[in-house]
Each structure stands twice: as structure tokens, then as C-alpha cells.
Amino acid sequence: MVIRRLRQLPPEARPHIAAAGRVLAEATARLNSMSPREIAEAAYTPGGPSLEQLEKLAEARLMGQSIRSVAVAAEVA
């Protein structure tokens, strides 16, 4: 896959990139308005990570930690 700088993209791609940016901004604002428990409940799917695991990941996100550091800490504990 070739990665190009934004200004090298064809003009018809720019509106799609702008739309994706708006969706990302809206999703980020929505996540920032939720508690870690609310985020976990919204993300939970049967067979996936537990609510407690998802809540820890959400707490780490809100504190600016990477998901990798939370996973490593969970393995050590």
C-alpha cells in the first residue's frame, strides 16, 4: 500500500477525508462524555473481553495510557 501526503491525494478524496475526520471527532467527543463503565457497557459483546477488562481499558484511555501498557500490567498482576 502506498502512503501519500494529504496534499498529494486527488482532489476528489479530500471531502471523504474531511467526512472521516468529522466522524472521528464526533466519536471522540461522545467517548469523552461517557464514564469508563458506560464505555465498557457500550463496547461489550458476548465472547469478547469482560466488562471489567473493557472498563480498565476505558480508564487507561481517559488517563492517556496506551492499551499496550494496560495489557502488560494485567499480565504481570
N, C-alpha and C. Protein backbone atom coordinates (compact mmCIF):
# COMPACT_ATOMS: atom_id res chain seq x y z
N MET A 1 0.84 -1.18 0.00
CA MET A 1 0.00 0.00 0.00
C MET A 1 0.88 1.23 0.00
N VAL A 2 0.57 2.16 -0.87
CA VAL A 2 1.33 3.39 -0.98
C VAL A 2 0.72 4.43 -0.05
N ILE A 3 1.54 5.04 0.77
CA ILE A 3 1.09 6.10 1.66
C ILE A 3 1.52 7.43 1.06
N ARG A 4 0.55 8.31 0.87
CA ARG A 4 0.85 9.62 0.29
C ARG A 4 0.55 10.72 1.29
N ARG A 5 1.18 11.83 1.10
CA ARG A 5 0.85 13.01 1.91
C ARG A 5 -0.52 13.52 1.48
N LEU A 6 -1.20 14.20 2.40
CA LEU A 6 -2.55 14.68 2.13
C LEU A 6 -2.61 15.55 0.89
N ARG A 7 -1.66 16.43 0.71
CA ARG A 7 -1.73 17.33 -0.45
C ARG A 7 -1.45 16.61 -1.77
N GLN A 8 -0.97 15.37 -1.71
CA GLN A 8 -0.73 14.61 -2.93
C GLN A 8 -1.94 13.77 -3.32
N LEU A 9 -2.95 13.73 -2.48
CA LEU A 9 -4.14 12.95 -2.80
C LEU A 9 -4.94 13.66 -3.88
N PRO A 10 -5.69 12.90 -4.65
CA PRO A 10 -6.51 13.54 -5.67
C PRO A 10 -7.57 14.42 -5.02
N PRO A 11 -7.97 15.49 -5.65
CA PRO A 11 -8.93 16.42 -5.06
C PRO A 11 -10.24 15.75 -4.65
N GLU A 12 -10.66 14.72 -5.37
CA GLU A 12 -11.93 14.06 -5.04
C GLU A 12 -11.86 13.27 -3.73
N ALA A 13 -10.65 13.01 -3.22
CA ALA A 13 -10.50 12.29 -1.95
C ALA A 13 -10.68 13.20 -0.74
N ARG A 14 -10.45 14.48 -0.92
CA ARG A 14 -10.46 15.41 0.22
C ARG A 14 -11.80 15.47 0.95
N PRO A 15 -12.95 15.52 0.26
CA PRO A 15 -14.21 15.54 1.01
C PRO A 15 -14.43 14.28 1.84
N HIS A 16 -13.95 13.15 1.34
CA HIS A 16 -14.11 11.89 2.07
C HIS A 16 -13.23 11.88 3.33
N ILE A 17 -12.05 12.42 3.20
CA ILE A 17 -11.15 12.50 4.35
C ILE A 17 -11.73 13.47 5.38
N ALA A 18 -12.27 14.59 4.93
CA ALA A 18 -12.89 15.55 5.85
C ALA A 18 -14.08 14.92 6.56
N ALA A 19 -14.88 14.14 5.84
CA ALA A 19 -16.03 13.47 6.45
C ALA A 19 -15.57 12.46 7.50
N ALA A 20 -14.52 11.72 7.20
CA ALA A 20 -13.98 10.76 8.16
C ALA A 20 -13.47 11.49 9.40
N GLY A 21 -12.86 12.65 9.21
CA GLY A 21 -12.40 13.44 10.35
C GLY A 21 -13.54 13.90 11.23
N ARG A 22 -14.66 14.28 10.61
CA ARG A 22 -15.83 14.70 11.39
C ARG A 22 -16.40 13.53 12.19
N VAL A 23 -16.46 12.35 11.58
CA VAL A 23 -16.95 11.16 12.28
C VAL A 23 -16.04 10.84 13.47
N LEU A 24 -14.74 10.90 13.25
CA LEU A 24 -13.79 10.62 14.32
C LEU A 24 -13.92 11.64 15.45
N ALA A 25 -14.07 12.92 15.11
CA ALA A 25 -14.23 13.96 16.13
C ALA A 25 -15.51 13.75 16.93
N GLU A 26 -16.60 13.38 16.25
CA GLU A 26 -17.86 13.13 16.94
C GLU A 26 -17.76 11.93 17.88
N ALA A 27 -17.13 10.87 17.42
CA ALA A 27 -16.96 9.68 18.25
C ALA A 27 -16.09 9.98 19.46
N THR A 28 -15.03 10.75 19.27
CA THR A 28 -14.15 11.12 20.37
C THR A 28 -14.89 11.97 21.39
N ALA A 29 -15.68 12.92 20.92
CA ALA A 29 -16.46 13.76 21.84
C ALA A 29 -17.46 12.92 22.62
N ARG A 30 -18.07 11.97 21.93
CA ARG A 30 -19.04 11.10 22.62
C ARG A 30 -18.35 10.26 23.69
N LEU A 31 -17.20 9.67 23.36
CA LEU A 31 -16.45 8.88 24.35
C LEU A 31 -16.02 9.74 25.54
N ASN A 32 -15.60 10.97 25.26
CA ASN A 32 -15.15 11.86 26.33
C ASN A 32 -16.28 12.26 27.27
N SER A 33 -17.52 12.13 26.82
CA SER A 33 -18.66 12.49 27.67
C SER A 33 -19.17 11.31 28.49
N MET A 34 -18.58 10.14 28.29
CA MET A 34 -19.05 8.92 28.97
C MET A 34 -18.09 8.52 30.09
N SER A 35 -18.64 7.83 31.08
CA SER A 35 -17.81 7.26 32.15
C SER A 35 -17.15 5.99 31.63
N PRO A 36 -16.08 5.53 32.29
CA PRO A 36 -15.46 4.28 31.86
C PRO A 36 -16.45 3.11 31.85
N ARG A 37 -17.37 3.08 32.81
CA ARG A 37 -18.35 1.99 32.85
C ARG A 37 -19.31 2.08 31.65
N GLU A 38 -19.74 3.30 31.31
CA GLU A 38 -20.62 3.47 30.16
C GLU A 38 -19.93 3.05 28.87
N ILE A 39 -18.64 3.38 28.75
CA ILE A 39 -17.87 2.99 27.57
C ILE A 39 -17.79 1.47 27.50
N ALA A 40 -17.51 0.84 28.64
CA ALA A 40 -17.40 -0.62 28.68
C ALA A 40 -18.72 -1.27 28.29
N GLU A 41 -19.82 -0.76 28.82
CA GLU A 41 -21.12 -1.33 28.50
C GLU A 41 -21.46 -1.16 27.02
N ALA A 42 -21.09 -0.03 26.44
CA ALA A 42 -21.35 0.20 25.02
C ALA A 42 -20.49 -0.70 24.14
N ALA A 43 -19.29 -1.03 24.61
CA ALA A 43 -18.35 -1.82 23.81
C ALA A 43 -18.51 -3.32 24.00
N TYR A 44 -19.19 -3.73 25.06
CA TYR A 44 -19.26 -5.15 25.39
C TYR A 44 -20.00 -5.97 24.34
N THR A 45 -19.40 -7.09 23.98
CA THR A 45 -20.07 -8.10 23.16
C THR A 45 -19.79 -9.45 23.78
N PRO A 46 -20.81 -10.32 23.87
CA PRO A 46 -20.59 -11.65 24.44
C PRO A 46 -19.47 -12.38 23.72
N GLY A 47 -18.62 -13.03 24.47
CA GLY A 47 -17.50 -13.76 23.91
C GLY A 47 -16.23 -12.94 23.78
N GLY A 48 -16.36 -11.63 24.00
CA GLY A 48 -15.20 -10.74 23.94
C GLY A 48 -14.66 -10.47 25.33
N PRO A 49 -13.89 -9.41 25.48
CA PRO A 49 -13.37 -9.05 26.80
C PRO A 49 -14.52 -8.79 27.78
N SER A 50 -14.25 -9.03 29.06
CA SER A 50 -15.27 -8.81 30.09
C SER A 50 -15.52 -7.32 30.28
N LEU A 51 -16.63 -7.00 30.94
CA LEU A 51 -16.93 -5.61 31.26
C LEU A 51 -15.81 -4.99 32.09
N GLU A 52 -15.26 -5.77 33.02
CA GLU A 52 -14.18 -5.25 33.86
C GLU A 52 -12.93 -4.93 33.04
N GLN A 53 -12.59 -5.80 32.09
CA GLN A 53 -11.44 -5.55 31.23
C GLN A 53 -11.67 -4.30 30.37
N LEU A 54 -12.85 -4.21 29.81
CA LEU A 54 -13.17 -3.04 28.98
C LEU A 54 -13.15 -1.76 29.79
N GLU A 55 -13.63 -1.85 31.03
CA GLU A 55 -13.63 -0.66 31.89
C GLU A 55 -12.20 -0.22 32.21
N LYS A 56 -11.31 -1.18 32.44
CA LYS A 56 -9.91 -0.83 32.69
C LYS A 56 -9.28 -0.17 31.46
N LEU A 57 -9.61 -0.69 30.28
CA LEU A 57 -9.09 -0.07 29.05
C LEU A 57 -9.62 1.35 28.89
N ALA A 58 -10.91 1.55 29.20
CA ALA A 58 -11.50 2.88 29.10
C ALA A 58 -10.86 3.83 30.10
N GLU A 59 -10.61 3.36 31.31
CA GLU A 59 -9.95 4.20 32.32
C GLU A 59 -8.55 4.58 31.84
N ALA A 60 -7.83 3.63 31.27
CA ALA A 60 -6.48 3.90 30.77
C ALA A 60 -6.52 4.94 29.66
N ARG A 61 -7.51 4.82 28.78
CA ARG A 61 -7.65 5.80 27.69
C ARG A 61 -7.88 7.19 28.24
N LEU A 62 -8.73 7.29 29.23
CA LEU A 62 -9.03 8.59 29.82
C LEU A 62 -7.82 9.18 30.55
N MET A 63 -6.94 8.32 31.03
CA MET A 63 -5.73 8.79 31.73
C MET A 63 -4.56 8.95 30.77
N GLY A 64 -4.79 8.68 29.48
CA GLY A 64 -3.75 8.88 28.49
C GLY A 64 -2.75 7.75 28.39
N GLN A 65 -3.05 6.60 28.97
CA GLN A 65 -2.15 5.46 28.89
C GLN A 65 -2.44 4.69 27.61
N SER A 66 -1.45 3.98 27.14
CA SER A 66 -1.66 3.16 25.95
C SER A 66 -2.31 1.84 26.36
N ILE A 67 -3.03 1.26 25.43
CA ILE A 67 -3.66 -0.03 25.69
C ILE A 67 -2.60 -1.09 25.95
N ARG A 68 -1.47 -0.99 25.26
CA ARG A 68 -0.40 -1.96 25.44
C ARG A 68 0.11 -1.95 26.88
N SER A 69 0.28 -0.77 27.50
CA SER A 69 0.78 -0.72 28.86
C SER A 69 -0.22 -1.33 29.84
N VAL A 70 -1.51 -1.18 29.56
CA VAL A 70 -2.54 -1.78 30.43
C VAL A 70 -2.52 -3.29 30.28
N ALA A 71 -2.34 -3.78 29.07
CA ALA A 71 -2.29 -5.24 28.84
C ALA A 71 -1.09 -5.84 29.52
N VAL A 72 0.05 -5.18 29.45
CA VAL A 72 1.27 -5.68 30.11
C VAL A 72 1.07 -5.70 31.62
N ALA A 73 0.49 -4.64 32.17
CA ALA A 73 0.27 -4.57 33.61
C ALA A 73 -0.69 -5.67 34.06
N ALA A 74 -1.69 -5.99 33.26
CA ALA A 74 -2.64 -7.05 33.60
C ALA A 74 -1.97 -8.41 33.60
N GLU A 75 -1.02 -8.62 32.68
CA GLU A 75 -0.31 -9.89 32.63
C GLU A 75 0.60 -10.08 33.83
N VAL A 76 1.18 -8.98 34.31
CA VAL A 76 2.10 -9.04 35.45
C VAL A 76 1.33 -9.28 36.73
N ALA A 77 0.14 -8.71 36.85
CA ALA A 77 -0.66 -8.80 38.09
C ALA A 77 -1.19 -10.19 38.31
